Amino acid sequence: MVNKLELELAIIRADMTKKEVAEKMHISRMTLYNKMNNRTKFRISEIERLCKILNLDKEAREKIFFV
């Protein structure tokens, strides 16, 4: 289960929009929204990619994806 608030804060801290994040992840905005709202799950490869895009450290990753 994704901690949506922490993920949204991480996107803001990275000075990005959800649209930009989706584009960098090569997924649609709707797919990103579905994953952020726990309608579908992030794959491990997507979590890794998102961590690189947002420059997340281990602590932030744990807070967002492994709550």
PDB file of N, CA and C in Angstrom:
ATOM      1  N   MET A   1       0.839  -1.178   0.000  1.00  0.00           N
ATOM      2  CA  MET A   1       0.000   0.000   0.000  1.00  0.00           C
ATOM      3  C   MET A   1       0.886   1.245   0.000  1.00  0.00           C
ATOM      4  N   VAL A   2       0.540   2.189  -0.820  1.00  0.00           N
ATOM      5  CA  VAL A   2       1.327   3.405  -0.985  1.00  0.00           C
ATOM      6  C   VAL A   2       0.821   4.488  -0.041  1.00  0.00           C
ATOM      7  N   ASN A   3       1.756   5.191   0.590  1.00  0.00           N
ATOM      8  CA  ASN A   3       1.411   6.350   1.394  1.00  0.00           C
ATOM      9  C   ASN A   3       1.312   7.536   0.433  1.00  0.00           C
ATOM     10  N   LYS A   4       0.100   7.824  -0.006  1.00  0.00           N
ATOM     11  CA  LYS A   4      -0.133   8.832  -1.041  1.00  0.00           C
ATOM     12  C   LYS A   4       0.373  10.207  -0.626  1.00  0.00           C
ATOM     13  N   LEU A   5       0.135  10.602   0.597  1.00  0.00           N
ATOM     14  CA  LEU A   5       0.558  11.929   1.056  1.00  0.00           C
ATOM     15  C   LEU A   5       2.074  12.074   0.981  1.00  0.00           C
ATOM     16  N   GLU A   6       2.799  11.070   1.448  1.00  0.00           N
ATOM     17  CA  GLU A   6       4.262  11.128   1.401  1.00  0.00           C
ATOM     18  C   GLU A   6       4.770  11.159  -0.040  1.00  0.00           C
ATOM     19  N   LEU A   7       4.113  10.414  -0.928  1.00  0.00           N
ATOM     20  CA  LEU A   7       4.517  10.417  -2.331  1.00  0.00           C
ATOM     21  C   LEU A   7       4.253  11.779  -2.958  1.00  0.00           C
ATOM     22  N   GLU A   8       3.112  12.361  -2.661  1.00  0.00           N
ATOM     23  CA  GLU A   8       2.813  13.696  -3.195  1.00  0.00           C
ATOM     24  C   GLU A   8       3.809  14.729  -2.681  1.00  0.00           C
ATOM     25  N   LEU A   9       4.191  14.622  -1.406  1.00  0.00           N
ATOM     26  CA  LEU A   9       5.188  15.537  -0.852  1.00  0.00           C
ATOM     27  C   LEU A   9       6.546  15.349  -1.534  1.00  0.00           C
ATOM     28  N   ALA A  10       6.904  14.109  -1.819  1.00  0.00           N
ATOM     29  CA  ALA A  10       8.171  13.833  -2.500  1.00  0.00           C
ATOM     30  C   ALA A  10       8.171  14.434  -3.907  1.00  0.00           C
ATOM     31  N   ILE A  11       7.039  14.375  -4.588  1.00  0.00           N
ATOM     32  CA  ILE A  11       6.931  14.963  -5.931  1.00  0.00           C
ATOM     33  C   ILE A  11       7.086  16.480  -5.847  1.00  0.00           C
ATOM     34  N   ILE A  12       6.455  17.081  -4.846  1.00  0.00           N
ATOM     35  CA  ILE A  12       6.570  18.534  -4.651  1.00  0.00           C
ATOM     36  C   ILE A  12       8.015  18.903  -4.328  1.00  0.00           C
ATOM     37  N   ARG A  13       8.652  18.153  -3.429  1.00  0.00           N
ATOM     38  CA  ARG A  13      10.047  18.427  -3.062  1.00  0.00           C
ATOM     39  C   ARG A  13      10.979  18.321  -4.264  1.00  0.00           C
ATOM     40  N   ALA A  14      10.643  17.438  -5.193  1.00  0.00           N
ATOM     41  CA  ALA A  14      11.450  17.269  -6.398  1.00  0.00           C
ATOM     42  C   ALA A  14      11.138  18.351  -7.434  1.00  0.00           C
ATOM     43  N   ASP A  15      10.202  19.247  -7.083  1.00  0.00           N
ATOM     44  CA  ASP A  15       9.796  20.345  -7.968  1.00  0.00           C
ATOM     45  C   ASP A  15       9.303  19.811  -9.311  1.00  0.00           C
ATOM     46  N   MET A  16       8.446  18.791  -9.222  1.00  0.00           N
ATOM     47  CA  MET A  16       7.883  18.175 -10.418  1.00  0.00           C
ATOM     48  C   MET A  16       6.375  18.124 -10.293  1.00  0.00           C
ATOM     49  N   THR A  17       5.727  17.903 -11.424  1.00  0.00           N
ATOM     50  CA  THR A  17       4.287  17.663 -11.441  1.00  0.00           C
ATOM     51  C   THR A  17       4.059  16.163 -11.622  1.00  0.00           C
ATOM     52  N   LYS A  18       2.853  15.721 -11.320  1.00  0.00           N
ATOM     53  CA  LYS A  18       2.524  14.309 -11.536  1.00  0.00           C
ATOM     54  C   LYS A  18       2.622  13.960 -13.017  1.00  0.00           C
ATOM     55  N   LYS A  19       2.266  14.916 -13.855  1.00  0.00           N
ATOM     56  CA  LYS A  19       2.368  14.695 -15.298  1.00  0.00           C
ATOM     57  C   LYS A  19       3.819  14.439 -15.696  1.00  0.00           C
ATOM     58  N   GLU A  20       4.737  15.233 -15.162  1.00  0.00           N
ATOM     59  CA  GLU A  20       6.159  15.055 -15.470  1.00  0.00           C
ATOM     60  C   GLU A  20       6.671  13.714 -14.960  1.00  0.00           C
ATOM     61  N   VAL A  21       6.231  13.351 -13.766  1.00  0.00           N
ATOM     62  CA  VAL A  21       6.647  12.069 -13.194  1.00  0.00           C
ATOM     63  C   VAL A  21       6.153  10.920 -14.071  1.00  0.00           C
ATOM     64  N   ALA A  22       4.890  10.982 -14.468  1.00  0.00           N
ATOM     65  CA  ALA A  22       4.327   9.931 -15.331  1.00  0.00           C
ATOM     66  C   ALA A  22       5.099   9.836 -16.646  1.00  0.00           C
ATOM     67  N   GLU A  23       5.417  10.978 -17.230  1.00  0.00           N
ATOM     68  CA  GLU A  23       6.164  10.976 -18.491  1.00  0.00           C
ATOM     69  C   GLU A  23       7.542  10.348 -18.308  1.00  0.00           C
ATOM     70  N   LYS A  24       8.235  10.694 -17.230  1.00  0.00           N
ATOM     71  CA  LYS A  24       9.562  10.134 -16.985  1.00  0.00           C
ATOM     72  C   LYS A  24       9.506   8.642 -16.683  1.00  0.00           C
ATOM     73  N   MET A  25       8.372   8.189 -16.141  1.00  0.00           N
ATOM     74  CA  MET A  25       8.207   6.766 -15.857  1.00  0.00           C
ATOM     75  C   MET A  25       7.697   5.989 -17.074  1.00  0.00           C
ATOM     76  N   HIS A  26       7.334   6.724 -18.127  1.00  0.00           N
ATOM     77  CA  HIS A  26       6.796   6.123 -19.352  1.00  0.00           C
ATOM     78  C   HIS A  26       5.470   5.403 -19.096  1.00  0.00           C
ATOM     79  N   ILE A  27       4.628   6.061 -18.253  1.00  0.00           N
ATOM     80  CA  ILE A  27       3.280   5.565 -18.024  1.00  0.00           C
ATOM     81  C   ILE A  27       2.317   6.742 -18.173  1.00  0.00           C
ATOM     82  N   SER A  28       1.055   6.441 -18.308  1.00  0.00           N
ATOM     83  CA  SER A  28       0.072   7.518 -18.440  1.00  0.00           C
ATOM     84  C   SER A  28      -0.193   8.145 -17.070  1.00  0.00           C
ATOM     85  N   ARG A  29      -0.745   9.358 -17.096  1.00  0.00           N
ATOM     86  CA  ARG A  29      -1.111  10.010 -15.837  1.00  0.00           C
ATOM     87  C   ARG A  29      -2.149   9.186 -15.098  1.00  0.00           C
ATOM     88  N   MET A  30      -3.097   8.625 -15.817  1.00  0.00           N
ATOM     89  CA  MET A  30      -4.141   7.811 -15.184  1.00  0.00           C
ATOM     90  C   MET A  30      -3.524   6.596 -14.490  1.00  0.00           C
ATOM     91  N   THR A  31      -2.553   5.974 -15.111  1.00  0.00           N
ATOM     92  CA  THR A  31      -1.879   4.840 -14.484  1.00  0.00           C
ATOM     93  C   THR A  31      -1.188   5.280 -13.206  1.00  0.00           C
ATOM     94  N   LEU A  32      -0.511   6.422 -13.244  1.00  0.00           N
ATOM     95  CA  LEU A  32       0.145   6.942 -12.046  1.00  0.00           C
ATOM     96  C   LEU A  32      -0.880   7.219 -10.953  1.00  0.00           C
ATOM     97  N   TYR A  33      -1.975   7.879 -11.301  1.00  0.00           N
ATOM     98  CA  TYR A  33      -3.013   8.180 -10.315  1.00  0.00           C
ATOM     99  C   TYR A  33      -3.583   6.899  -9.708  1.00  0.00           C
ATOM    100  N   ASN A  34      -3.817   5.900 -10.543  1.00  0.00           N
ATOM    101  CA  ASN A  34      -4.343   4.626 -10.039  1.00  0.00           C
ATOM    102  C   ASN A  34      -3.375   3.987  -9.046  1.00  0.00           C
ATOM    103  N   LYS A  35      -2.100   4.058  -9.344  1.00  0.00           N
ATOM    104  CA  LYS A  35      -1.101   3.482  -8.450  1.00  0.00           C
ATOM    105  C   LYS A  35      -0.999   4.293  -7.162  1.00  0.00           C
ATOM    106  N   MET A  36      -1.043   5.617  -7.282  1.00  0.00           N
ATOM    107  CA  MET A  36      -0.957   6.476  -6.102  1.00  0.00           C
ATOM    108  C   MET A  36      -2.171   6.311  -5.193  1.00  0.00           C
ATOM    109  N   ASN A  37      -3.319   5.989  -5.774  1.00  0.00           N
ATOM    110  CA  ASN A  37      -4.556   5.814  -5.006  1.00  0.00           C
ATOM    111  C   ASN A  37      -4.818   4.361  -4.632  1.00  0.00           C
ATOM    112  N   ASN A  38      -3.794   3.524  -4.804  1.00  0.00           N
ATOM    113  CA  ASN A  38      -3.846   2.115  -4.410  1.00  0.00           C
ATOM    114  C   ASN A  38      -4.913   1.312  -5.146  1.00  0.00           C
ATOM    115  N   ARG A  39      -5.260   1.743  -6.348  1.00  0.00           N
ATOM    116  CA  ARG A  39      -6.182   0.949  -7.175  1.00  0.00           C
ATOM    117  C   ARG A  39      -5.422  -0.169  -7.879  1.00  0.00           C
ATOM    118  N   THR A  40      -4.168   0.135  -8.229  1.00  0.00           N
ATOM    119  CA  THR A  40      -3.251  -0.873  -8.763  1.00  0.00           C
ATOM    120  C   THR A  40      -1.935  -0.721  -8.014  1.00  0.00           C
ATOM    121  N   LYS A  41      -1.091  -1.721  -8.110  1.00  0.00           N
ATOM    122  CA  LYS A  41       0.159  -1.707  -7.350  1.00  0.00           C
ATOM    123  C   LYS A  41       1.339  -1.279  -8.220  1.00  0.00           C
ATOM    124  N   PHE A  42       2.295  -0.619  -7.577  1.00  0.00           N
ATOM    125  CA  PHE A  42       3.567  -0.321  -8.223  1.00  0.00           C
ATOM    126  C   PHE A  42       4.364  -1.607  -8.313  1.00  0.00           C
ATOM    127  N   ARG A  43       4.975  -1.861  -9.463  1.00  0.00           N
ATOM    128  CA  ARG A  43       5.910  -2.973  -9.595  1.00  0.00           C
ATOM    129  C   ARG A  43       7.236  -2.539  -8.977  1.00  0.00           C
ATOM    130  N   ILE A  44       8.056  -3.488  -8.622  1.00  0.00           N
ATOM    131  CA  ILE A  44       9.365  -3.173  -8.032  1.00  0.00           C
ATOM    132  C   ILE A  44      10.176  -2.292  -8.981  1.00  0.00           C
ATOM    133  N   SER A  45      10.147  -2.605 -10.261  1.00  0.00           N
ATOM    134  CA  SER A  45      10.902  -1.804 -11.230  1.00  0.00           C
ATOM    135  C   SER A  45      10.385  -0.368 -11.273  1.00  0.00           C
ATOM    136  N   GLU A  46       9.094  -0.185 -11.086  1.00  0.00           N
ATOM    137  CA  GLU A  46       8.524   1.164 -11.075  1.00  0.00           C
ATOM    138  C   GLU A  46       8.928   1.922  -9.816  1.00  0.00           C
ATOM    139  N   ILE A  47       8.973   1.211  -8.694  1.00  0.00           N
ATOM    140  CA  ILE A  47       9.416   1.841  -7.451  1.00  0.00           C
ATOM    141  C   ILE A  47      10.866   2.294  -7.594  1.00  0.00           C
ATOM    142  N   GLU A  48      11.701   1.434  -8.151  1.00  0.00           N
ATOM    143  CA  GLU A  48      13.108   1.784  -8.354  1.00  0.00           C
ATOM    144  C   GLU A  48      13.247   2.997  -9.263  1.00  0.00           C
ATOM    145  N   ARG A  49      12.499   3.013 -10.350  1.00  0.00           N
ATOM    146  CA  ARG A  49      12.548   4.133 -11.296  1.00  0.00           C
ATOM    147  C   ARG A  49      12.070   5.421 -10.624  1.00  0.00           C
ATOM    148  N   LEU A  50      10.990   5.324  -9.878  1.00  0.00           N
ATOM    149  CA  LEU A  50      10.437   6.490  -9.195  1.00  0.00           C
ATOM    150  C   LEU A  50      11.412   7.037  -8.156  1.00  0.00           C
ATOM    151  N   CYS A  51      12.093   6.153  -7.463  1.00  0.00           N
ATOM    152  CA  CYS A  51      13.088   6.590  -6.476  1.00  0.00           C
ATOM    153  C   CYS A  51      14.215   7.364  -7.153  1.00  0.00           C
ATOM    154  N   LYS A  52      14.623   6.928  -8.314  1.00  0.00           N
ATOM    155  CA  LYS A  52      15.671   7.654  -9.062  1.00  0.00           C
ATOM    156  C   LYS A  52      15.151   8.997  -9.555  1.00  0.00           C
ATOM    157  N   ILE A  53      13.952   9.008 -10.096  1.00  0.00           N
ATOM    158  CA  ILE A  53      13.365  10.238 -10.637  1.00  0.00           C
ATOM    159  C   ILE A  53      13.215  11.287  -9.533  1.00  0.00           C
ATOM    160  N   LEU A  54      12.748  10.859  -8.359  1.00  0.00           N
ATOM    161  CA  LEU A  54      12.489  11.789  -7.262  1.00  0.00           C
ATOM    162  C   LEU A  54      13.675  11.918  -6.306  1.00  0.00           C
ATOM    163  N   ASN A  55      14.738  11.173  -6.580  1.00  0.00           N
ATOM    164  CA  ASN A  55      15.941  11.196  -5.744  1.00  0.00           C
ATOM    165  C   ASN A  55      15.603  10.851  -4.283  1.00  0.00           C
ATOM    166  N   LEU A  56      14.906   9.734  -4.112  1.00  0.00           N
ATOM    167  CA  LEU A  56      14.480   9.304  -2.782  1.00  0.00           C
ATOM    168  C   LEU A  56      15.547   8.443  -2.126  1.00  0.00           C
ATOM    169  N   ASP A  57      15.797   8.695  -0.853  1.00  0.00           N
ATOM    170  CA  ASP A  57      16.713   7.843  -0.109  1.00  0.00           C
ATOM    171  C   ASP A  57      15.937   6.650   0.451  1.00  0.00           C
ATOM    172  N   LYS A  58      16.669   5.764   1.115  1.00  0.00           N
ATOM    173  CA  LYS A  58      16.053   4.535   1.621  1.00  0.00           C
ATOM    174  C   LYS A  58      14.926   4.837   2.610  1.00  0.00           C
ATOM    175  N   GLU A  59      15.131   5.810   3.485  1.00  0.00           N
ATOM    176  CA  GLU A  59      14.127   6.157   4.483  1.00  0.00           C
ATOM    177  C   GLU A  59      12.835   6.654   3.831  1.00  0.00           C
ATOM    178  N   ALA A  60      12.966   7.533   2.835  1.00  0.00           N
ATOM    179  CA  ALA A  60      11.790   8.061   2.134  1.00  0.00           C
ATOM    180  C   ALA A  60      11.078   6.942   1.386  1.00  0.00           C
ATOM    181  N   ARG A  61      11.851   6.068   0.755  1.00  0.00           N
ATOM    182  CA  ARG A  61      11.268   4.937   0.022  1.00  0.00           C
ATOM    183  C   ARG A  61      10.447   4.057   0.960  1.00  0.00           C
ATOM    184  N   GLU A  62      11.009   3.758   2.115  1.00  0.00           N
ATOM    185  CA  GLU A  62      10.307   2.929   3.090  1.00  0.00           C
ATOM    186  C   GLU A  62       9.012   3.602   3.549  1.00  0.00           C
ATOM    187  N   LYS A  63       9.074   4.907   3.797  1.00  0.00           N
ATOM    188  CA  LYS A  63       7.914   5.656   4.271  1.00  0.00           C
ATOM    189  C   LYS A  63       6.781   5.658   3.245  1.00  0.00           C
ATOM    190  N   ILE A  64       7.143   5.705   1.977  1.00  0.00           N
ATOM    191  CA  ILE A  64       6.149   5.808   0.909  1.00  0.00           C
ATOM    192  C   ILE A  64       5.587   4.433   0.519  1.00  0.00           C
ATOM    193  N   PHE A  65       6.467   3.477   0.309  1.00  0.00           N
ATOM    194  CA  PHE A  65       6.032   2.230  -0.313  1.00  0.00           C
ATOM    195  C   PHE A  65       5.877   1.048   0.631  1.00  0.00           C
ATOM    196  N   PHE A  66       6.444   1.115   1.811  1.00  0.00           N
ATOM    197  CA  PHE A  66       6.421  -0.057   2.694  1.00  0.00           C
ATOM    198  C   PHE A  66       5.870   0.318   4.068  1.00  0.00           C
ATOM    199  N   VAL A  67       4.691   0.936   4.044  1.00  0.00           N
ATOM    200  CA  VAL A  67       4.046   1.355   5.303  1.00  0.00           C
ATOM    201  C   VAL A  67       3.198   0.241   5.859  1.00  0.00           C
TER     202      VAL A  67
END
